[in-house]
C-alpha atoms as a PDB file:
ATOM      1  CA  UNK A   1       2.675  37.621 -18.502  1.00  0.00           C
ATOM      2  CA  UNK A   2      -0.158  37.161 -16.143  1.00  0.00           C
ATOM      3  CA  UNK A   3       0.125  37.977 -12.460  1.00  0.00           C
ATOM      4  CA  UNK A   4      -1.394  34.518 -11.440  1.00  0.00           C
ATOM      5  CA  UNK A   5       0.660  32.572  -8.829  1.00  0.00           C
ATOM      6  CA  UNK A   6       2.533  29.546 -10.438  1.00  0.00           C
ATOM      7  CA  UNK A   7       0.961  26.423  -9.013  1.00  0.00           C
ATOM      8  CA  UNK A   8       0.791  22.831 -10.299  1.00  0.00           C
ATOM      9  CA  UNK A   9      -2.693  21.380 -11.169  1.00  0.00           C
ATOM     10  CA  UNK A  10      -3.906  18.492  -9.082  1.00  0.00           C
ATOM     11  CA  UNK A  11      -3.077  15.384 -10.825  1.00  0.00           C
ATOM     12  CA  UNK A  12      -5.341  12.404 -10.371  1.00  0.00           C
ATOM     13  CA  UNK A  13      -3.872   9.046  -8.901  1.00  0.00           C
ATOM     14  CA  UNK A  14      -2.443   6.927 -11.646  1.00  0.00           C
ATOM     15  CA  UNK A  15      -3.202   3.247 -11.436  1.00  0.00           C
ATOM     16  CA  UNK A  16      -1.696   0.341 -13.411  1.00  0.00           C
ATOM     17  CA  UNK A  17      -1.390  -3.385 -12.801  1.00  0.00           C
ATOM     18  CA  UNK A  18       1.392  -3.302 -10.327  1.00  0.00           C
ATOM     19  CA  UNK A  19       2.036   0.445  -9.813  1.00  0.00           C
ATOM     20  CA  UNK A  20       0.273   3.442  -8.192  1.00  0.00           C
ATOM     21  CA  UNK A  21       1.536   6.904  -8.540  1.00  0.00           C
ATOM     22  CA  UNK A  22       0.318   9.842  -6.254  1.00  0.00           C
ATOM     23  CA  UNK A  23       1.189  13.436  -6.404  1.00  0.00           C
ATOM     24  CA  UNK A  24       2.856  14.746  -3.163  1.00  0.00           C
ATOM     25  CA  UNK A  25       2.081  18.236  -1.775  1.00  0.00           C
ATOM     26  CA  UNK A  26       4.474  21.037  -2.541  1.00  0.00           C
ATOM     27  CA  UNK A  27       7.405  21.489  -0.145  1.00  0.00           C
ATOM     28  CA  UNK A  28       8.846  24.890   1.086  1.00  0.00           C
ATOM     29  CA  UNK A  29      10.485  25.651  -2.240  1.00  0.00           C
ATOM     30  CA  UNK A  30       7.429  24.697  -4.292  1.00  0.00           C
ATOM     31  CA  UNK A  31       8.679  21.401  -5.582  1.00  0.00           C
ATOM     32  CA  UNK A  32       5.877  18.928  -6.241  1.00  0.00           C
ATOM     33  CA  UNK A  33       7.018  15.267  -6.219  1.00  0.00           C
ATOM     34  CA  UNK A  34       5.474  12.091  -6.941  1.00  0.00           C
ATOM     35  CA  UNK A  35       5.047   8.886  -4.703  1.00  0.00           C
ATOM     36  CA  UNK A  36       5.327   5.462  -6.439  1.00  0.00           C
ATOM     37  CA  UNK A  37       4.050   2.293  -4.717  1.00  0.00           C
ATOM     38  CA  UNK A  38       4.845  -1.096  -6.189  1.00  0.00           C
ATOM     39  CA  UNK A  39       2.637  -3.967  -5.687  1.00  0.00           C
ATOM     40  CA  UNK A  40       4.527  -7.328  -5.300  1.00  0.00           C
ATOM     41  CA  UNK A  41       4.389  -9.355  -8.611  1.00  0.00           C
ATOM     42  CA  UNK A  42       6.408 -12.264  -7.654  1.00  0.00           C
ATOM     43  CA  UNK A  43       5.434 -14.788  -4.874  1.00  0.00           C
ATOM     44  CA  UNK A  44       8.114 -15.313  -2.114  1.00  0.00           C
ATOM     45  CA  UNK A  45       8.289 -18.926  -1.000  1.00  0.00           C
ATOM     46  CA  UNK A  46      10.366 -19.632   2.135  1.00  0.00           C
ATOM     47  CA  UNK A  47      13.437 -21.697   1.527  1.00  0.00           C
ATOM     48  CA  UNK A  48      13.459 -25.325   2.557  1.00  0.00           C
ATOM     49  CA  UNK A  49      16.631 -27.402   2.257  1.00  0.00           C
ATOM     50  CA  UNK A  50      16.490 -30.273  -0.336  1.00  0.00           C
ATOM     51  CA  UNK A  51      16.336 -33.931   0.648  1.00  0.00           C
ATOM     52  CA  UNK A  52      19.596 -35.681   0.934  1.00  0.00           C
ATOM     53  CA  UNK A  53      19.940 -38.787  -1.555  1.00  0.00           C
END
Protein backbone atom coordinates (compact mmCIF):
# COMPACT_ATOMS: atom_id res chain seq x y z
CA UNK A 1 0.00 0.00 0.00
CA UNK A 2 1.10 3.55 -0.56
CA UNK A 3 1.67 6.08 2.20
CA UNK A 4 -0.34 8.77 0.40
CA UNK A 5 -3.10 10.39 2.48
CA UNK A 6 -6.62 9.33 1.61
CA UNK A 7 -8.38 12.26 -0.04
CA UNK A 8 -11.33 12.52 -2.35
CA UNK A 9 -10.72 14.08 -5.76
CA UNK A 10 -12.45 17.39 -6.46
CA UNK A 11 -15.64 16.64 -8.38
CA UNK A 12 -16.91 19.26 -10.85
CA UNK A 13 -20.35 20.79 -10.32
CA UNK A 14 -23.05 18.63 -11.88
CA UNK A 15 -25.82 20.39 -13.77
CA UNK A 16 -29.00 19.07 -15.30
CA UNK A 17 -32.28 20.71 -16.27
CA UNK A 18 -33.69 21.12 -12.75
CA UNK A 19 -30.85 19.93 -10.47
CA UNK A 20 -27.41 21.22 -9.47
CA UNK A 21 -25.08 19.03 -7.41
CA UNK A 22 -22.01 20.39 -5.61
CA UNK A 23 -19.37 18.63 -3.55
CA UNK A 24 -19.07 19.89 0.04
CA UNK A 25 -15.73 20.21 1.86
CA UNK A 26 -14.79 17.30 4.14
CA UNK A 27 -15.89 17.54 7.76
CA UNK A 28 -13.80 16.69 10.85
CA UNK A 29 -14.21 12.93 10.30
CA UNK A 30 -13.25 13.21 6.62
CA UNK A 31 -16.77 12.65 5.25
CA UNK A 32 -17.31 14.39 1.92
CA UNK A 33 -20.97 15.13 1.26
CA UNK A 34 -22.86 16.56 -1.66
CA UNK A 35 -25.30 19.47 -1.81
CA UNK A 36 -28.28 19.23 -4.15
CA UNK A 37 -30.18 22.30 -5.29
CA UNK A 38 -33.53 21.78 -7.00
CA UNK A 39 -34.90 24.39 -9.39
CA UNK A 40 -38.69 24.74 -9.28
CA UNK A 41 -40.32 23.02 -12.24
CA UNK A 42 -43.95 23.84 -11.47
CA UNK A 43 -45.45 27.29 -11.49
CA UNK A 44 -47.29 28.26 -8.33
CA UNK A 45 -50.45 30.29 -8.87
CA UNK A 46 -52.13 32.03 -5.94
CA UNK A 47 -55.52 30.55 -5.10
CA UNK A 48 -58.60 32.61 -5.81
CA UNK A 49 -62.11 31.54 -4.81
CA UNK A 50 -64.34 30.54 -7.70
CA UNK A 51 -67.32 32.65 -8.72
CA UNK A 52 -70.64 31.73 -7.17
CA UNK A 53 -73.33 30.68 -9.69
